[in-house]
Amino acid sequence: MSPITRPFLVALVAAFILPSSANSLEEDFITPPHESRPETWFHLIGGNVDRDFLTTDLEAVSQAGIQGIQLFHGRGRAWPGVQPQIQTLSPTWDGMISHVADETQRLGLKFTMQNCPGWAMSGGPWITPDKAMRHIIWSRTQVTGGKALTLNLPQPQPSAEEWRDYRDITVLAFPTPEGDTGEFLHPTRIRSNRNQLAWNDLLAGKKEVSLKIPVQPEPIWVEFEFAEPTTIRSIELPPIENLMARRCFIPESRIRVQAMADSGWQDLVTHQVPYANWQDRQPEHPFGLAIPDAESRRYRLVFENRHSMALDFLRLSSTARVHDWRAQAGFALRKIHRSNPLTQDPASAVSRKSVLDISKHLDPKGRLTWQPPTGPWTILRFGHVNTGTKNKPAPPEATGFECDKLSAAGAEQHFAGYIGRISAEGGPADKGRLQGMLIDSWECYTQTWTPEMETEFVERRDYPLRSWLPALAGYVVDDHPTTERFLRDWRQTISDLLVENYFGRLAELARQRGMQLSFETAIGDVSPGDILRYQSKADIPMCEIWQPNDPHWGGYETKPIHPTVSAAHIYGKPRIAAEAFTDIVHDWSDHLFSFKHVADRNFALGINHLVFHTYTHNPLDKLPGTSFGGRIGSPFIRGQTWWKHMPLFTDYLSRCQHLLQQGQPVADVLWYLGDDLDHRPRQDAPFPDGYDFDYLNQDVLLNRLSVVDGKLQTPEGTRWEVIWLPEAQCRHLTPTTLKRLKQLIEEGTTVIGNAPLANPSLVGGKQADTEFTRLISAMWNGNPTGNRPLGKGRLIWGEDLENSLTKLGIEPDLKGMRPLAWNHRRAEGTDIYFITADRVTPLDATLDFRASGIPEFWDPLTHTTTPVTVFERQNGRTRIPVRLPAAGSTFVIFRPGESRPAFTRITRDNKTLADATDTSRTDVAEPYPHFGLPRSTPTQPWVAPADPEFEIIDGGTGLLAYQNGDYQLTKPDGSAREIIIEEARVQPINSPWTLGFPRDWVNIPDRTLDKLTPWSSLKDPSARAFSGTATYRTKLEKLALSATQRAILDLGRVADIAEIIINGKHADTLWAPPFRTDITHLLKAGENHIEIKVTNTWHNRLSYDEALPRKERKSWTLSGPKKDSPLKPAGLIGPAVIRIAVTSPL
């Protein structure tokens, strides 16, 4: 793009001195280094692999400006015409991998492999059952004591399949709690305000029943009536993905339980439906509600749902259960809402002192010989088995068990079986040719046992596990709070073992072979645990960003982004990767600008290294080819219509990524996540506008933070102002955490937050609880509010975070109009702000930065850097007028040094065009808005609503005015520079246009257009459905330009990419609005020829071909849009004009 095609930055030159130390940053911005470029996933599908086409694909990747590939091999059927089919892991396959290693080395591409066949997760046929993922399981037997018993205890989950590899753990017995009958309750009558729903069949447990609970103005309720007063202590509902009908990420629903009393209906409890991972669909792990004791004949369940719900079952029980115990015990993939203390009969709980270990009475054949004391007794036989989970979706010959992720031995067996073999001496990618290893999505559900679990637990938690095992079966042990404290310690142990024995051990093994390790989100996204610490084991932490094409998968809450960004920041990882542009419903209509919009959103969130999902190896010459899985992933493949323009896109991304990898992130707040070992907070959780934050965990709090000059600092030099203890996450803190917080305060930091309510852990016993009470008193001194010094620092409580920051004198980092997303880094004294407007109309605002120095605009789209002089500086802050096009972006750079603004305000005929002094145009910016724009379309609604006003050109020394009038440029001293513009105009292109299609692709004759028309509006169906590059041509009447005039070609709306050729010479290629460029230097005296080569997407032709017989189709893919899909706009839409603008020196 020509520098002047982007009139969105108000940038005027001033007198300043550029420090020479900043020059290399600018040079690398203009020409980014290779390591700053994006990577791509590279999928082999089934046996569809060809050596020569591998070279073709890898050369296409290299030519597109992509840094490297991350290779996967997924399952897939044979494609037509691809023979022979190769077998994964065969000698032929090894030869293909060796060829890829050679070719990537030849082309200078980094070569990374997914750590197993398929994409999830770490498994294969080399994993033996004893080294596979394991679950703790149990069987329950009830007996009457007082006499000797001999009975066969049922094996938990019996199976004749040897791969289950059942192993006993222990046999425990305890007096049967009150209400634990082993039977569900059956009401005698059911009523509802939706009686047409089959409630009776649902309660009867009929498997074919599924009740839909729609969203209603009044909540739907169901009433249960019993013949006698009854106590309901627990209720079971389907797992969250099933219950919320694909709204598991944002259920936004509650379930209220009521009982009829003498005074009417009384609320017993209201439970939030927790948000959960999409894998939370296992019927054996239902969502369980704990209910306070009541004795009533009538109960009500009230569904307060903002989204539709679906009930496959509903079970009522008198058995006391911990609230959502399957999540708290690590079996289920959902957020934990710890219950408020419940009033239940103590006899409904298991007394831990009464738990007996009777394992010695069980013989090897499962026969128990034992005499229990008098009364009813419950016997639990605990064992552990291979979960049977396998890597997927992998070719059958490469499919096997997932490795044990709580044992280092499992990780070692897995590494040796795949990446270790491939990278070993004599392997297909030896001699350092394999440079990276990836651990992709956690899609193997959960693991709750490993053979050394009891030893690991006691060593880490300092108390024995065995007598607490009934809690893992849902029983309340002693009482609800005590049981939940044990379950927290259990989650901590699982989290520790995952971090150290799986992620940590695989990282060690990869680094021993000279490979970098990346892995995607896992803990905190799927199973509860420390959502940050496991990323400390990665060289490049990684998350996912999706195209917003599906409300479920493309939503902002689908995958956690901020935990990955925070983990990188607090653990000193400069590169933060993202699997980028993932899609599950793509229809071949996305293009470079729609990708840019999503990239910009996530650059503002802190991502700084994109890995495309995906490039699929296509061993065919058919176009466009196919994407991985047909409709999965955005198809970044050489058959794309716009692939020839990919270098423009990757150049843009590389400039952004390079700057966003420099120096250290700037944030004010460390958001402590508490000690409950829970899921992540919601991405859109409230946070004061204008500030940024990073999440903080106990590991970094204890081991990586120090206080330097009153600020919190990591060994890498990243700094924060305060620690925040939000009540939602910090109701429970351990004495260890409190002691460290107190120490940091005394050393000079500030902590903001209320006193926690309780110690969440049983570690340390009564002595730890006493220490907890002592620290609470010493720090918060029993007052509801306070702002007190402790040592060199300060503790503030009873006041919201924003007011506290204001009183501390910590101003917002950025103030500006909404919606605005931003990211701030600092490198060697240079402040780097990335700014993007997440809106469909241009942004015109005065932004207020908490920065000083020499301000400049760095445009990653045009690779231009422009000094700023329309600004105002006060009290160390700088206000700058900024214009951005629809969904536009820029960097605002503050170099070290001093500068004075040349102007503070620009007007034309008394209309304000830019004003750094107007604070009314400034609001507080949102660093992490809840993005909710609809799917981006090729042209609409990305349209500038008004004609351009002016630009600053020639390195900031000149004004380019598009409108006639009296321009007043106000200087800081109040005087003004006046510029009169009289020769600007808009000249229409009156000559007819011709539209030509490539004859080697479709037999569509050229045609003359009386007026500019997109080809998607033509009458000829084949022309209307054309996909590819078509050419518009016209002649331009003679232009008489003075020395101060410039001719700007403005194409208006374009669908989707325009290459501009003037008089046979390339002028520009435009792929994002505004579609304008300066053509003055290419014009000649007399008649001028304009040629516009417009490229659209594959959507229209694929849809058209779907209606044709296969032999008549021009295109081939595995999954395209349906034949009746509406056509997308394609071609030049316009209006196209020549804008005669006038230059004036400043």
Foldseek 3Di string as FASTA:
>chain_A
DFPPQFFFFFFFDFDFDFDPVCVVLLVCLLPPDLVLFFAFEEEAEFQQDDLVLLLVFVVLCLLLSHAAYEYAYFYDDDDPPRPDGDDPPDPVNLQSLLSNLVSCVVSNHAYAYALAHAQDFFFWALAALQFFFKAKFKDKDKDFFDDKDKDFGDDTPDDPDCSFVKDFDFKKKFFAFPFPPVDFDDFPDKDKPPVVAPVNCQAVLDQVHKGKQAADPFWIKMKGFHPFWDWWFKKWFFFQLQFQVLQLLPFVKKKWKWAQDPVGTDTFDIGDRWRFANLQGDRVQTQMAGTATDTHRMMMITIGTPGMTMTSHMTTGSQHFFGSLCQLLFQFTTWDDGDDFGHYDLSSFTALVRMDTQRVQADPSRMGIDGDHGHMMMMMTMIMTRPFFWHPDGYPNTIDGHGHLLALVRQVSSSCVGVVQQADVVHSNHPCSNAAYEGEDHPRRTGQDHPCLQVLLCVVQVDGDPSLVVNSVGGHYSGNLVSSQVSLSSQASSQVSNLCRHLQSNLVVQVVSNYFYEYEFDDLRTGFAPRQRSCLSGLEYEYEAEFLADCSCNFPSNIDDQSQQLSCQLSVRLAYEYAAHWDQADFFFDDLVLRVLSVLLVVLSQHQHYYAQHAYSAPDPFPPAAHVPRRTGDHQYPRWQCSVVSNLSSLLSSSSNSVSSAAHFDFAEAEEQASSRTHDPGLAPDDDFLGDYHYDYPCSLVPAWAADPLWTAGPSGHTYQEYEHDCVRHLAHWLVNLVSVLVRLLRHGEYEEAQHNYHSHCRPHPVRRVSSVVSNCVQVVPDQFDWDRRHNHIYGYPDDPVVVCVVVVNDRQKWADPAKAWTWHAHPRKIKIKIWHQALEKDWFKMKGQAAAFKWKQASSNSDIAGRQQWDDDPNIIIGTGIAAGRGMIMIMHHHTHIHHFFNWKDFPNHTPIHNPDCVRIGGYHNRHRDDDHRDAQWPPRFYPDDDAWRQDDRSFKIKGLDFGWMWTAGPVGHTDIDGDDPWDWAAAQWWKKKADDVVQDPDHIDIGNADDFQCPDPPLCSVLDAHKMKIKGKGFFDDDDPFKWKKKFLGTAAAKKFKAKQNHTFDIDGHPPRMGTCRVVDDGGMMMIMIIGGHTNSRLVLCQLPPPPVPRSGDYDYHDHVPDDDGGHGRPDPIIIIIIGMDGD
